[in-house]
Amino acid sequence: REIYFTPQSRFVAEFIGAANIIESPIE
């Protein structure tokens, strides 16, 4: 559950399951 919902890197996020990766400013 931790690996899936709270990945600590972009690699883990994309390797575990499907993921939308967004690069964006925050305002």
mmCIF file of all heavy atoms, coordinates in Angstrom:
data_MODEL
# 
_entry.id   MODEL 
# 
loop_
_atom_site.group_PDB 
_atom_site.id 
_atom_site.type_symbol 
_atom_site.label_atom_id 
_atom_site.label_alt_id 
_atom_site.label_comp_id 
_atom_site.label_asym_id 
_atom_site.label_entity_id 
_atom_site.label_seq_id 
_atom_site.pdbx_PDB_ins_code 
_atom_site.Cartn_x 
_atom_site.Cartn_y 
_atom_site.Cartn_z 
_atom_site.occupancy 
_atom_site.B_iso_or_equiv 
_atom_site.pdbx_formal_charge 
_atom_site.auth_seq_id 
_atom_site.auth_comp_id 
_atom_site.auth_asym_id 
_atom_site.auth_atom_id 
_atom_site.pdbx_PDB_model_num 
ATOM 1   N N   . ARG A 1 1  ? 0.831  -1.218 0.000   1.00 0.00 ? 1  ARG A N   1 
ATOM 2   C CA  . ARG A 1 1  ? 0.000  0.000  0.000   1.00 0.00 ? 1  ARG A CA  1 
ATOM 3   C C   . ARG A 1 1  ? 0.858  1.258  0.000   1.00 0.00 ? 1  ARG A C   1 
ATOM 4   O O   . ARG A 1 1  ? 0.567  2.227  -0.719  1.00 0.00 ? 1  ARG A O   1 
ATOM 5   C CB  . ARG A 1 1  ? -0.941 -0.025 1.210   1.00 0.00 ? 1  ARG A CB  1 
ATOM 6   C CG  . ARG A 1 1  ? -1.887 1.157  1.295   1.00 0.00 ? 1  ARG A CG  1 
ATOM 7   C CD  . ARG A 1 1  ? -2.932 0.935  2.371   1.00 0.00 ? 1  ARG A CD  1 
ATOM 8   N NE  . ARG A 1 1  ? -3.882 -0.084 1.950   1.00 0.00 ? 1  ARG A NE  1 
ATOM 9   C CZ  . ARG A 1 1  ? -4.960 0.176  1.218   1.00 0.00 ? 1  ARG A CZ  1 
ATOM 10  N NH1 . ARG A 1 1  ? -5.228 1.400  0.830   1.00 0.00 ? 1  ARG A NH1 1 
ATOM 11  N NH2 . ARG A 1 1  ? -5.767 -0.799 0.871   1.00 0.00 ? 1  ARG A NH2 1 
ATOM 12  N N   . GLU A 1 2  ? 1.920  1.266  0.809   1.00 0.00 ? 2  GLU A N   1 
ATOM 13  C CA  . GLU A 1 2  ? 2.810  2.437  0.856   1.00 0.00 ? 2  GLU A CA  1 
ATOM 14  C C   . GLU A 1 2  ? 3.501  2.662  -0.482  1.00 0.00 ? 2  GLU A C   1 
ATOM 15  O O   . GLU A 1 2  ? 3.609  3.796  -0.962  1.00 0.00 ? 2  GLU A O   1 
ATOM 16  C CB  . GLU A 1 2  ? 3.852  2.254  1.956   1.00 0.00 ? 2  GLU A CB  1 
ATOM 17  C CG  . GLU A 1 2  ? 3.295  2.370  3.363   1.00 0.00 ? 2  GLU A CG  1 
ATOM 18  C CD  . GLU A 1 2  ? 4.258  1.870  4.425   1.00 0.00 ? 2  GLU A CD  1 
ATOM 19  O OE1 . GLU A 1 2  ? 5.261  1.202  4.087   1.00 0.00 ? 2  GLU A OE1 1 
ATOM 20  O OE2 . GLU A 1 2  ? 3.995  2.137  5.625   1.00 0.00 ? 2  GLU A OE2 1 
ATOM 21  N N   . ILE A 1 3  ? 3.986  1.561  -1.076  1.00 0.00 ? 3  ILE A N   1 
ATOM 22  C CA  . ILE A 1 3  ? 4.680  1.668  -2.355  1.00 0.00 ? 3  ILE A CA  1 
ATOM 23  C C   . ILE A 1 3  ? 3.748  2.216  -3.432  1.00 0.00 ? 3  ILE A C   1 
ATOM 24  O O   . ILE A 1 3  ? 4.140  3.038  -4.263  1.00 0.00 ? 3  ILE A O   1 
ATOM 25  C CB  . ILE A 1 3  ? 5.229  0.279  -2.780  1.00 0.00 ? 3  ILE A CB  1 
ATOM 26  C CG1 . ILE A 1 3  ? 6.322  -0.204 -1.823  1.00 0.00 ? 3  ILE A CG1 1 
ATOM 27  C CG2 . ILE A 1 3  ? 5.729  0.303  -4.209  1.00 0.00 ? 3  ILE A CG2 1 
ATOM 28  C CD1 . ILE A 1 3  ? 7.615  0.549  -1.906  1.00 0.00 ? 3  ILE A CD1 1 
ATOM 29  N N   . TYR A 1 4  ? 2.508  1.765  -3.410  1.00 0.00 ? 4  TYR A N   1 
ATOM 30  C CA  . TYR A 1 4  ? 1.557  2.159  -4.454  1.00 0.00 ? 4  TYR A CA  1 
ATOM 31  C C   . TYR A 1 4  ? 1.064  3.597  -4.281  1.00 0.00 ? 4  TYR A C   1 
ATOM 32  O O   . TYR A 1 4  ? 1.065  4.382  -5.228  1.00 0.00 ? 4  TYR A O   1 
ATOM 33  C CB  . TYR A 1 4  ? 0.363  1.200  -4.461  1.00 0.00 ? 4  TYR A CB  1 
ATOM 34  C CG  . TYR A 1 4  ? -0.600 1.440  -5.600  1.00 0.00 ? 4  TYR A CG  1 
ATOM 35  C CD1 . TYR A 1 4  ? -0.335 0.939  -6.879  1.00 0.00 ? 4  TYR A CD1 1 
ATOM 36  C CD2 . TYR A 1 4  ? -1.763 2.183  -5.418  1.00 0.00 ? 4  TYR A CD2 1 
ATOM 37  C CE1 . TYR A 1 4  ? -1.205 1.169  -7.931  1.00 0.00 ? 4  TYR A CE1 1 
ATOM 38  C CE2 . TYR A 1 4  ? -2.643 2.421  -6.467  1.00 0.00 ? 4  TYR A CE2 1 
ATOM 39  C CZ  . TYR A 1 4  ? -2.350 1.911  -7.715  1.00 0.00 ? 4  TYR A CZ  1 
ATOM 40  O OH  . TYR A 1 4  ? -3.209 2.151  -8.760  1.00 0.00 ? 4  TYR A OH  1 
ATOM 41  N N   . PHE A 1 5  ? 0.631  3.945  -3.063  1.00 0.00 ? 5  PHE A N   1 
ATOM 42  C CA  . PHE A 1 5  ? -0.003 5.243  -2.858  1.00 0.00 ? 5  PHE A CA  1 
ATOM 43  C C   . PHE A 1 5  ? 0.975  6.360  -2.506  1.00 0.00 ? 5  PHE A C   1 
ATOM 44  O O   . PHE A 1 5  ? 0.671  7.529  -2.738  1.00 0.00 ? 5  PHE A O   1 
ATOM 45  C CB  . PHE A 1 5  ? -1.083 5.141  -1.773  1.00 0.00 ? 5  PHE A CB  1 
ATOM 46  C CG  . PHE A 1 5  ? -2.330 4.446  -2.243  1.00 0.00 ? 5  PHE A CG  1 
ATOM 47  C CD1 . PHE A 1 5  ? -2.674 3.196  -1.753  1.00 0.00 ? 5  PHE A CD1 1 
ATOM 48  C CD2 . PHE A 1 5  ? -3.162 5.026  -3.187  1.00 0.00 ? 5  PHE A CD2 1 
ATOM 49  C CE1 . PHE A 1 5  ? -3.811 2.540  -2.186  1.00 0.00 ? 5  PHE A CE1 1 
ATOM 50  C CE2 . PHE A 1 5  ? -4.309 4.379  -3.632  1.00 0.00 ? 5  PHE A CE2 1 
ATOM 51  C CZ  . PHE A 1 5  ? -4.633 3.137  -3.120  1.00 0.00 ? 5  PHE A CZ  1 
ATOM 52  N N   . THR A 1 6  ? 2.132  6.013  -1.930  1.00 0.00 ? 6  THR A N   1 
ATOM 53  C CA  . THR A 1 6  ? 3.080  7.062  -1.542  1.00 0.00 ? 6  THR A CA  1 
ATOM 54  C C   . THR A 1 6  ? 4.483  6.772  -2.074  1.00 0.00 ? 6  THR A C   1 
ATOM 55  O O   . THR A 1 6  ? 5.435  6.633  -1.303  1.00 0.00 ? 6  THR A O   1 
ATOM 56  C CB  . THR A 1 6  ? 3.116  7.245  -0.003  1.00 0.00 ? 6  THR A CB  1 
ATOM 57  O OG1 . THR A 1 6  ? 3.439  5.986  0.611   1.00 0.00 ? 6  THR A OG1 1 
ATOM 58  C CG2 . THR A 1 6  ? 1.794  7.744  0.520   1.00 0.00 ? 6  THR A CG2 1 
ATOM 59  N N   . PRO A 1 7  ? 4.618  6.653  -3.404  1.00 0.00 ? 7  PRO A N   1 
ATOM 60  C CA  . PRO A 1 7  ? 5.957  6.436  -3.965  1.00 0.00 ? 7  PRO A CA  1 
ATOM 61  C C   . PRO A 1 7  ? 6.864  7.611  -3.632  1.00 0.00 ? 7  PRO A C   1 
ATOM 62  O O   . PRO A 1 7  ? 6.424  8.764  -3.586  1.00 0.00 ? 7  PRO A O   1 
ATOM 63  C CB  . PRO A 1 7  ? 5.690  6.328  -5.468  1.00 0.00 ? 7  PRO A CB  1 
ATOM 64  C CG  . PRO A 1 7  ? 4.420  7.082  -5.690  1.00 0.00 ? 7  PRO A CG  1 
ATOM 65  C CD  . PRO A 1 7  ? 3.596  6.846  -4.458  1.00 0.00 ? 7  PRO A CD  1 
ATOM 66  N N   . GLN A 1 8  ? 8.135  7.312  -3.426  1.00 0.00 ? 8  GLN A N   1 
ATOM 67  C CA  . GLN A 1 8  ? 9.081  8.351  -3.037  1.00 0.00 ? 8  GLN A CA  1 
ATOM 68  C C   . GLN A 1 8  ? 9.895  8.878  -4.207  1.00 0.00 ? 8  GLN A C   1 
ATOM 69  O O   . GLN A 1 8  ? 10.762 9.732  -4.027  1.00 0.00 ? 8  GLN A O   1 
ATOM 70  C CB  . GLN A 1 8  ? 10.019 7.803  -1.947  1.00 0.00 ? 8  GLN A CB  1 
ATOM 71  C CG  . GLN A 1 8  ? 9.294  7.501  -0.642  1.00 0.00 ? 8  GLN A CG  1 
ATOM 72  C CD  . GLN A 1 8  ? 10.174 6.804  0.372   1.00 0.00 ? 8  GLN A CD  1 
ATOM 73  O OE1 . GLN A 1 8  ? 11.332 6.494  0.112   1.00 0.00 ? 8  GLN A OE1 1 
ATOM 74  N NE2 . GLN A 1 8  ? 9.618  6.544  1.548   1.00 0.00 ? 8  GLN A NE2 1 
ATOM 75  N N   . SER A 1 9  ? 9.639  8.366  -5.405  1.00 0.00 ? 9  SER A N   1 
ATOM 76  C CA  . SER A 1 9  ? 10.350 8.844  -6.583  1.00 0.00 ? 9  SER A CA  1 
ATOM 77  C C   . SER A 1 9  ? 9.485  8.647  -7.811  1.00 0.00 ? 9  SER A C   1 
ATOM 78  O O   . SER A 1 9  ? 8.526  7.872  -7.811  1.00 0.00 ? 9  SER A O   1 
ATOM 79  C CB  . SER A 1 9  ? 11.677 8.098  -6.763  1.00 0.00 ? 9  SER A CB  1 
ATOM 80  O OG  . SER A 1 9  ? 11.439 6.753  -7.157  1.00 0.00 ? 9  SER A OG  1 
ATOM 81  N N   . ARG A 1 10 ? 9.845  9.345  -8.848  1.00 0.00 ? 10 ARG A N   1 
ATOM 82  C CA  . ARG A 1 10 ? 9.138  9.202  -10.116 1.00 0.00 ? 10 ARG A CA  1 
ATOM 83  C C   . ARG A 1 10 ? 9.288  7.784  -10.666 1.00 0.00 ? 10 ARG A C   1 
ATOM 84  O O   . ARG A 1 10 ? 8.337  7.226  -11.231 1.00 0.00 ? 10 ARG A O   1 
ATOM 85  C CB  . ARG A 1 10 ? 9.683  10.229 -11.112 1.00 0.00 ? 10 ARG A CB  1 
ATOM 86  C CG  . ARG A 1 10 ? 8.972  10.248 -12.441 1.00 0.00 ? 10 ARG A CG  1 
ATOM 87  C CD  . ARG A 1 10 ? 9.406  11.454 -13.245 1.00 0.00 ? 10 ARG A CD  1 
ATOM 88  N NE  . ARG A 1 10 ? 8.723  11.525 -14.523 1.00 0.00 ? 10 ARG A NE  1 
ATOM 89  C CZ  . ARG A 1 10 ? 8.678  12.621 -15.263 1.00 0.00 ? 10 ARG A CZ  1 
ATOM 90  N NH1 . ARG A 1 10 ? 9.266  13.728 -14.857 1.00 0.00 ? 10 ARG A NH1 1 
ATOM 91  N NH2 . ARG A 1 10 ? 8.025  12.618 -16.413 1.00 0.00 ? 10 ARG A NH2 1 
ATOM 92  N N   . PHE A 1 11 ? 10.468 7.197  -10.505 1.00 0.00 ? 11 PHE A N   1 
ATOM 93  C CA  . PHE A 1 11 ? 10.679 5.830  -10.988 1.00 0.00 ? 11 PHE A CA  1 
ATOM 94  C C   . PHE A 1 11 ? 9.692  4.869  -10.333 1.00 0.00 ? 11 PHE A C   1 
ATOM 95  O O   . PHE A 1 11 ? 9.045  4.060  -11.010 1.00 0.00 ? 11 PHE A O   1 
ATOM 96  C CB  . PHE A 1 11 ? 12.109 5.381  -10.697 1.00 0.00 ? 11 PHE A CB  1 
ATOM 97  C CG  . PHE A 1 11 ? 12.325 3.906  -10.929 1.00 0.00 ? 11 PHE A CG  1 
ATOM 98  C CD1 . PHE A 1 11 ? 12.483 3.400  -12.210 1.00 0.00 ? 11 PHE A CD1 1 
ATOM 99  C CD2 . PHE A 1 11 ? 12.326 3.012  -9.860  1.00 0.00 ? 11 PHE A CD2 1 
ATOM 100 C CE1 . PHE A 1 11 ? 12.646 2.035  -12.432 1.00 0.00 ? 11 PHE A CE1 1 
ATOM 101 C CE2 . PHE A 1 11 ? 12.496 1.647  -10.064 1.00 0.00 ? 11 PHE A CE2 1 
ATOM 102 C CZ  . PHE A 1 11 ? 12.652 1.162  -11.356 1.00 0.00 ? 11 PHE A CZ  1 
ATOM 103 N N   . VAL A 1 12 ? 9.557  4.920  -9.010  1.00 0.00 ? 12 VAL A N   1 
ATOM 104 C CA  . VAL A 1 12 ? 8.650  4.014  -8.297  1.00 0.00 ? 12 VAL A CA  1 
ATOM 105 C C   . VAL A 1 12 ? 7.214  4.271  -8.725  1.00 0.00 ? 12 VAL A C   1 
ATOM 106 O O   . VAL A 1 12 ? 6.439  3.340  -8.967  1.00 0.00 ? 12 VAL A O   1 
ATOM 107 C CB  . VAL A 1 12 ? 8.821  4.149  -6.774  1.00 0.00 ? 12 VAL A CB  1 
ATOM 108 C CG1 . VAL A 1 12 ? 7.780  3.305  -6.033  1.00 0.00 ? 12 VAL A CG1 1 
ATOM 109 C CG2 . VAL A 1 12 ? 10.229 3.735  -6.351  1.00 0.00 ? 12 VAL A CG2 1 
ATOM 110 N N   . ALA A 1 13 ? 6.835  5.535  -8.845  1.00 0.00 ? 13 ALA A N   1 
ATOM 111 C CA  . ALA A 1 13 ? 5.468  5.879  -9.243  1.00 0.00 ? 13 ALA A CA  1 
ATOM 112 C C   . ALA A 1 13 ? 5.111  5.274  -10.596 1.00 0.00 ? 13 ALA A C   1 
ATOM 113 O O   . ALA A 1 13 ? 4.016  4.745  -10.789 1.00 0.00 ? 13 ALA A O   1 
ATOM 114 C CB  . ALA A 1 13 ? 5.310  7.390  -9.290  1.00 0.00 ? 13 ALA A CB  1 
ATOM 115 N N   . GLU A 1 14 ? 6.041  5.332  -11.548 1.00 0.00 ? 14 GLU A N   1 
ATOM 116 C CA  . GLU A 1 14 ? 5.758  4.844  -12.894 1.00 0.00 ? 14 GLU A CA  1 
ATOM 117 C C   . GLU A 1 14 ? 5.925  3.340  -13.021 1.00 0.00 ? 14 GLU A C   1 
ATOM 118 O O   . GLU A 1 14 ? 5.269  2.708  -13.849 1.00 0.00 ? 14 GLU A O   1 
ATOM 119 C CB  . GLU A 1 14 ? 6.668  5.555  -13.898 1.00 0.00 ? 14 GLU A CB  1 
ATOM 120 C CG  . GLU A 1 14 ? 6.347  7.042  -14.017 1.00 0.00 ? 14 GLU A CG  1 
ATOM 121 C CD  . GLU A 1 14 ? 7.163  7.746  -15.082 1.00 0.00 ? 14 GLU A CD  1 
ATOM 122 O OE1 . GLU A 1 14 ? 8.403  7.693  -15.013 1.00 0.00 ? 14 GLU A OE1 1 
ATOM 123 O OE2 . GLU A 1 14 ? 6.551  8.363  -15.969 1.00 0.00 ? 14 GLU A OE2 1 
ATOM 124 N N   . PHE A 1 15 ? 6.784  2.741  -12.183 1.00 0.00 ? 15 PHE A N   1 
ATOM 125 C CA  . PHE A 1 15 ? 7.003  1.297  -12.265 1.00 0.00 ? 15 PHE A CA  1 
ATOM 126 C C   . PHE A 1 15 ? 5.862  0.517  -11.621 1.00 0.00 ? 15 PHE A C   1 
ATOM 127 O O   . PHE A 1 15 ? 5.523  -0.581 -12.061 1.00 0.00 ? 15 PHE A O   1 
ATOM 128 C CB  . PHE A 1 15 ? 8.329  0.929  -11.593 1.00 0.00 ? 15 PHE A CB  1 
ATOM 129 C CG  . PHE A 1 15 ? 8.723  -0.505 -11.810 1.00 0.00 ? 15 PHE A CG  1 
ATOM 130 C CD1 . PHE A 1 15 ? 9.203  -0.927 -13.044 1.00 0.00 ? 15 PHE A CD1 1 
ATOM 131 C CD2 . PHE A 1 15 ? 8.593  -1.446 -10.805 1.00 0.00 ? 15 PHE A CD2 1 
ATOM 132 C CE1 . PHE A 1 15 ? 9.548  -2.259 -13.264 1.00 0.00 ? 15 PHE A CE1 1 
ATOM 133 C CE2 . PHE A 1 15 ? 8.941  -2.777 -11.003 1.00 0.00 ? 15 PHE A CE2 1 
ATOM 134 C CZ  . PHE A 1 15 ? 9.416  -3.179 -12.246 1.00 0.00 ? 15 PHE A CZ  1 
ATOM 135 N N   . ILE A 1 16 ? 5.262  1.070  -10.572 1.00 0.00 ? 16 ILE A N   1 
ATOM 136 C CA  . ILE A 1 16 ? 4.191  0.382  -9.837  1.00 0.00 ? 16 ILE A CA  1 
ATOM 137 C C   . ILE A 1 16 ? 2.845  0.894  -10.319 1.00 0.00 ? 16 ILE A C   1 
ATOM 138 O O   . ILE A 1 16 ? 2.407  1.982  -9.959  1.00 0.00 ? 16 ILE A O   1 
ATOM 139 C CB  . ILE A 1 16 ? 4.324  0.610  -8.321  1.00 0.00 ? 16 ILE A CB  1 
ATOM 140 C CG1 . ILE A 1 16 ? 5.697  0.210  -7.810  1.00 0.00 ? 16 ILE A CG1 1 
ATOM 141 C CG2 . ILE A 1 16 ? 3.226  -0.133 -7.559  1.00 0.00 ? 16 ILE A CG2 1 
ATOM 142 C CD1 . ILE A 1 16 ? 6.010  -1.252 -7.914  1.00 0.00 ? 16 ILE A CD1 1 
ATOM 143 N N   . GLY A 1 17 ? 2.171  0.117  -11.136 1.00 0.00 ? 17 GLY A N   1 
ATOM 144 C CA  . GLY A 1 17 ? 0.837  0.485  -11.574 1.00 0.00 ? 17 GLY A CA  1 
ATOM 145 C C   . GLY A 1 17 ? 0.849  1.610  -12.593 1.00 0.00 ? 17 GLY A C   1 
ATOM 146 O O   . GLY A 1 17 ? 1.894  2.146  -12.965 1.00 0.00 ? 17 GLY A O   1 
ATOM 147 N N   . ALA A 1 18 ? -0.354 1.985  -13.043 1.00 0.00 ? 18 ALA A N   1 
ATOM 148 C CA  . ALA A 1 18 ? -0.495 3.101  -13.974 1.00 0.00 ? 18 ALA A CA  1 
ATOM 149 C C   . ALA A 1 18 ? -0.454 4.408  -13.195 1.00 0.00 ? 18 ALA A C   1 
ATOM 150 O O   . ALA A 1 18 ? -0.952 4.490  -12.071 1.00 0.00 ? 18 ALA A O   1 
ATOM 151 C CB  . ALA A 1 18 ? -1.807 2.978  -14.744 1.00 0.00 ? 18 ALA A CB  1 
ATOM 152 N N   . ALA A 1 19 ? 0.155  5.430  -13.785 1.00 0.00 ? 19 ALA A N   1 
ATOM 153 C CA  . ALA A 1 19 ? 0.275  6.710  -13.092 1.00 0.00 ? 19 ALA A CA  1 
ATOM 154 C C   . ALA A 1 19 ? 0.265  7.844  -14.104 1.00 0.00 ? 19 ALA A C   1 
ATOM 155 O O   . ALA A 1 19 ? 0.880  7.752  -15.167 1.00 0.00 ? 19 ALA A O   1 
ATOM 156 C CB  . ALA A 1 19 ? 1.555  6.756  -12.265 1.00 0.00 ? 19 ALA A CB  1 
ATOM 157 N N   . ASN A 1 20 ? -0.450 8.910  -13.763 1.00 0.00 ? 20 ASN A N   1 
ATOM 158 C CA  . ASN A 1 20 ? -0.353 10.159 -14.517 1.00 0.00 ? 20 ASN A CA  1 
ATOM 159 C C   . ASN A 1 20 ? 0.721  11.014 -13.867 1.00 0.00 ? 20 ASN A C   1 
ATOM 160 O O   . ASN A 1 20 ? 0.618  11.360 -12.688 1.00 0.00 ? 20 ASN A O   1 
ATOM 161 C CB  . ASN A 1 20 ? -1.691 10.905 -14.490 1.00 0.00 ? 20 ASN A CB  1 
ATOM 162 C CG  . ASN A 1 20 ? -2.789 10.156 -15.224 1.00 0.00 ? 20 ASN A CG  1 
ATOM 163 O OD1 . ASN A 1 20 ? -2.708 9.953  -16.432 1.00 0.00 ? 20 ASN A OD1 1 
ATOM 164 N ND2 . ASN A 1 20 ? -3.813 9.730  -14.499 1.00 0.00 ? 20 ASN A ND2 1 
ATOM 165 N N   . ILE A 1 21 ? 1.784  11.300 -14.602 1.00 0.00 ? 21 ILE A N   1 
ATOM 166 C CA  . ILE A 1 21 ? 2.868  12.139 -14.099 1.00 0.00 ? 21 ILE A CA  1 
ATOM 167 C C   . ILE A 1 21 ? 2.710  13.529 -14.717 1.00 0.00 ? 21 ILE A C   1 
ATOM 168 O O   . ILE A 1 21 ? 2.645  13.679 -15.944 1.00 0.00 ? 21 ILE A O   1 
ATOM 169 C CB  . ILE A 1 21 ? 4.243  11.545 -14.447 1.00 0.00 ? 21 ILE A CB  1 
ATOM 170 C CG1 . ILE A 1 21 ? 4.366  10.122 -13.895 1.00 0.00 ? 21 ILE A CG1 1 
ATOM 171 C CG2 . ILE A 1 21 ? 5.358  12.439 -13.910 1.00 0.00 ? 21 ILE A CG2 1 
ATOM 172 C CD1 . ILE A 1 21 ? 4.308  10.005 -12.396 1.00 0.00 ? 21 ILE A CD1 1 
ATOM 173 N N   . ILE A 1 22 ? 2.644  14.528 -13.847 1.00 0.00 ? 22 ILE A N   1 
ATOM 174 C CA  . ILE A 1 22 ? 2.367  15.895 -14.275 1.00 0.00 ? 22 ILE A CA  1 
ATOM 175 C C   . ILE A 1 22 ? 3.514  16.796 -13.844 1.00 0.00 ? 22 ILE A C   1 
ATOM 176 O O   . ILE A 1 22 ? 3.957  16.733 -12.690 1.00 0.00 ? 22 ILE A O   1 
ATOM 177 C CB  . ILE A 1 22 ? 1.053  16.406 -13.627 1.00 0.00 ? 22 ILE A CB  1 
ATOM 178 C CG1 . ILE A 1 22 ? -0.130 15.539 -14.072 1.00 0.00 ? 22 ILE A CG1 1 
ATOM 179 C CG2 . ILE A 1 22 ? 0.808  17.871 -13.961 1.00 0.00 ? 22 ILE A CG2 1 
ATOM 180 C CD1 . ILE A 1 22 ? -1.376 15.786 -13.247 1.00 0.00 ? 22 ILE A CD1 1 
ATOM 181 N N   . GLU A 1 23 ? 3.975  17.624 -14.752 1.00 0.00 ? 23 GLU A N   1 
ATOM 182 C CA  . GLU A 1 23 ? 4.923  18.690 -14.414 1.00 0.00 ? 23 GLU A CA  1 
ATOM 183 C C   . GLU A 1 23 ? 4.184  20.012 -14.550 1.00 0.00 ? 23 GLU A C   1 
ATOM 184 O O   . GLU A 1 23 ? 3.651  20.327 -15.610 1.00 0.00 ? 23 GLU A O   1 
ATOM 185 C CB  . GLU A 1 23 ? 6.135  18.632 -15.335 1.00 0.00 ? 23 GLU A CB  1 
ATOM 186 C CG  . GLU A 1 23 ? 6.939  17.347 -15.174 1.00 0.00 ? 23 GLU A CG  1 
ATOM 187 C CD  . GLU A 1 23 ? 8.133  17.284 -16.113 1.00 0.00 ? 23 GLU A CD  1 
ATOM 188 O OE1 . GLU A 1 23 ? 8.508  18.332 -16.661 1.00 0.00 ? 23 GLU A OE1 1 
ATOM 189 O OE2 . GLU A 1 23 ? 8.689  16.181 -16.287 1.00 0.00 ? 23 GLU A OE2 1 
ATOM 190 N N   . SER A 1 24 ? 4.147  20.774 -13.444 1.00 0.00 ? 24 SER A N   1 
ATOM 191 C CA  . SER A 1 24 ? 3.288  21.949 -13.424 1.00 0.00 ? 24 SER A CA  1 
ATOM 192 C C   . SER A 1 24 ? 3.772  22.943 -12.377 1.00 0.00 ? 24 SER A C   1 
ATOM 193 O O   . SER A 1 24 ? 4.350  22.546 -11.359 1.00 0.00 ? 24 SER A O   1 
ATOM 194 C CB  . SER A 1 24 ? 1.846  21.518 -13.105 1.00 0.00 ? 24 SER A CB  1 
ATOM 195 O OG  . SER A 1 24 ? 1.047  22.605 -12.706 1.00 0.00 ? 24 SER A OG  1 
ATOM 196 N N   . PRO A 1 25 ? 3.511  24.230 -12.570 1.00 0.00 ? 25 PRO A N   1 
ATOM 197 C CA  . PRO A 1 25 ? 3.701  25.174 -11.467 1.00 0.00 ? 25 PRO A CA  1 
ATOM 198 C C   . PRO A 1 25 ? 2.569  25.041 -10.453 1.00 0.00 ? 25 PRO A C   1 
ATOM 199 O O   . PRO A 1 25 ? 1.487  24.532 -10.771 1.00 0.00 ? 25 PRO A O   1 
ATOM 200 C CB  . PRO A 1 25 ? 3.661  26.534 -12.163 1.00 0.00 ? 25 PRO A CB  1 
ATOM 201 C CG  . PRO A 1 25 ? 2.865  26.306 -13.406 1.00 0.00 ? 25 PRO A CG  1 
ATOM 202 C CD  . PRO A 1 25 ? 3.114  24.889 -13.820 1.00 0.00 ? 25 PRO A CD  1 
ATOM 203 N N   . ILE A 1 26 ? 2.835  25.458 -9.230  1.00 0.00 ? 26 ILE A N   1 
ATOM 204 C CA  . ILE A 1 26 ? 1.797  25.533 -8.200  1.00 0.00 ? 26 ILE A CA  1 
ATOM 205 C C   . ILE A 1 26 ? 1.595  27.003 -7.835  1.00 0.00 ? 26 ILE A C   1 
ATOM 206 O O   . ILE A 1 26 ? 2.552  27.713 -7.525  1.00 0.00 ? 26 ILE A O   1 
ATOM 207 C CB  . ILE A 1 26 ? 2.178  24.727 -6.950  1.00 0.00 ? 26 ILE A CB  1 
ATOM 208 C CG1 . ILE A 1 26 ? 2.178  23.225 -7.254  1.00 0.00 ? 26 ILE A CG1 1 
ATOM 209 C CG2 . ILE A 1 26 ? 1.220  25.019 -5.797  1.00 0.00 ? 26 ILE A CG2 1 
ATOM 210 C CD1 . ILE A 1 26 ? 2.557  22.361 -6.073  1.00 0.00 ? 26 ILE A CD1 1 
ATOM 211 N N   . GLU A 1 27 ? 0.342  27.433 -7.874  1.00 0.00 ? 27 GLU A N   1 
ATOM 212 C CA  . GLU A 1 27 ? -0.020 28.790 -7.462  1.00 0.00 ? 27 GLU A CA  1 
ATOM 213 C C   . GLU A 1 27 ? -1.093 28.718 -6.394  1.00 0.00 ? 27 GLU A C   1 
ATOM 214 O O   . GLU A 1 27 ? -2.175 28.179 -6.630  1.00 0.00 ? 27 GLU A O   1 
ATOM 215 C CB  . GLU A 1 27 ? -0.533 29.598 -8.666  1.00 0.00 ? 27 GLU A CB  1 
ATOM 216 C CG  . GLU A 1 27 ? 0.512  29.882 -9.719  1.00 0.00 ? 27 GLU A CG  1 
ATOM 217 C CD  . GLU A 1 27 ? -0.049 30.676 -10.896 1.00 0.00 ? 27 GLU A CD  1 
ATOM 218 O OE1 . GLU A 1 27 ? -1.255 31.024 -10.857 1.00 0.00 ? 27 GLU A OE1 1 
ATOM 219 O OE2 . GLU A 1 27 ? 0.703  30.946 -11.843 1.00 0.00 ? 27 GLU A OE2 1 
# 
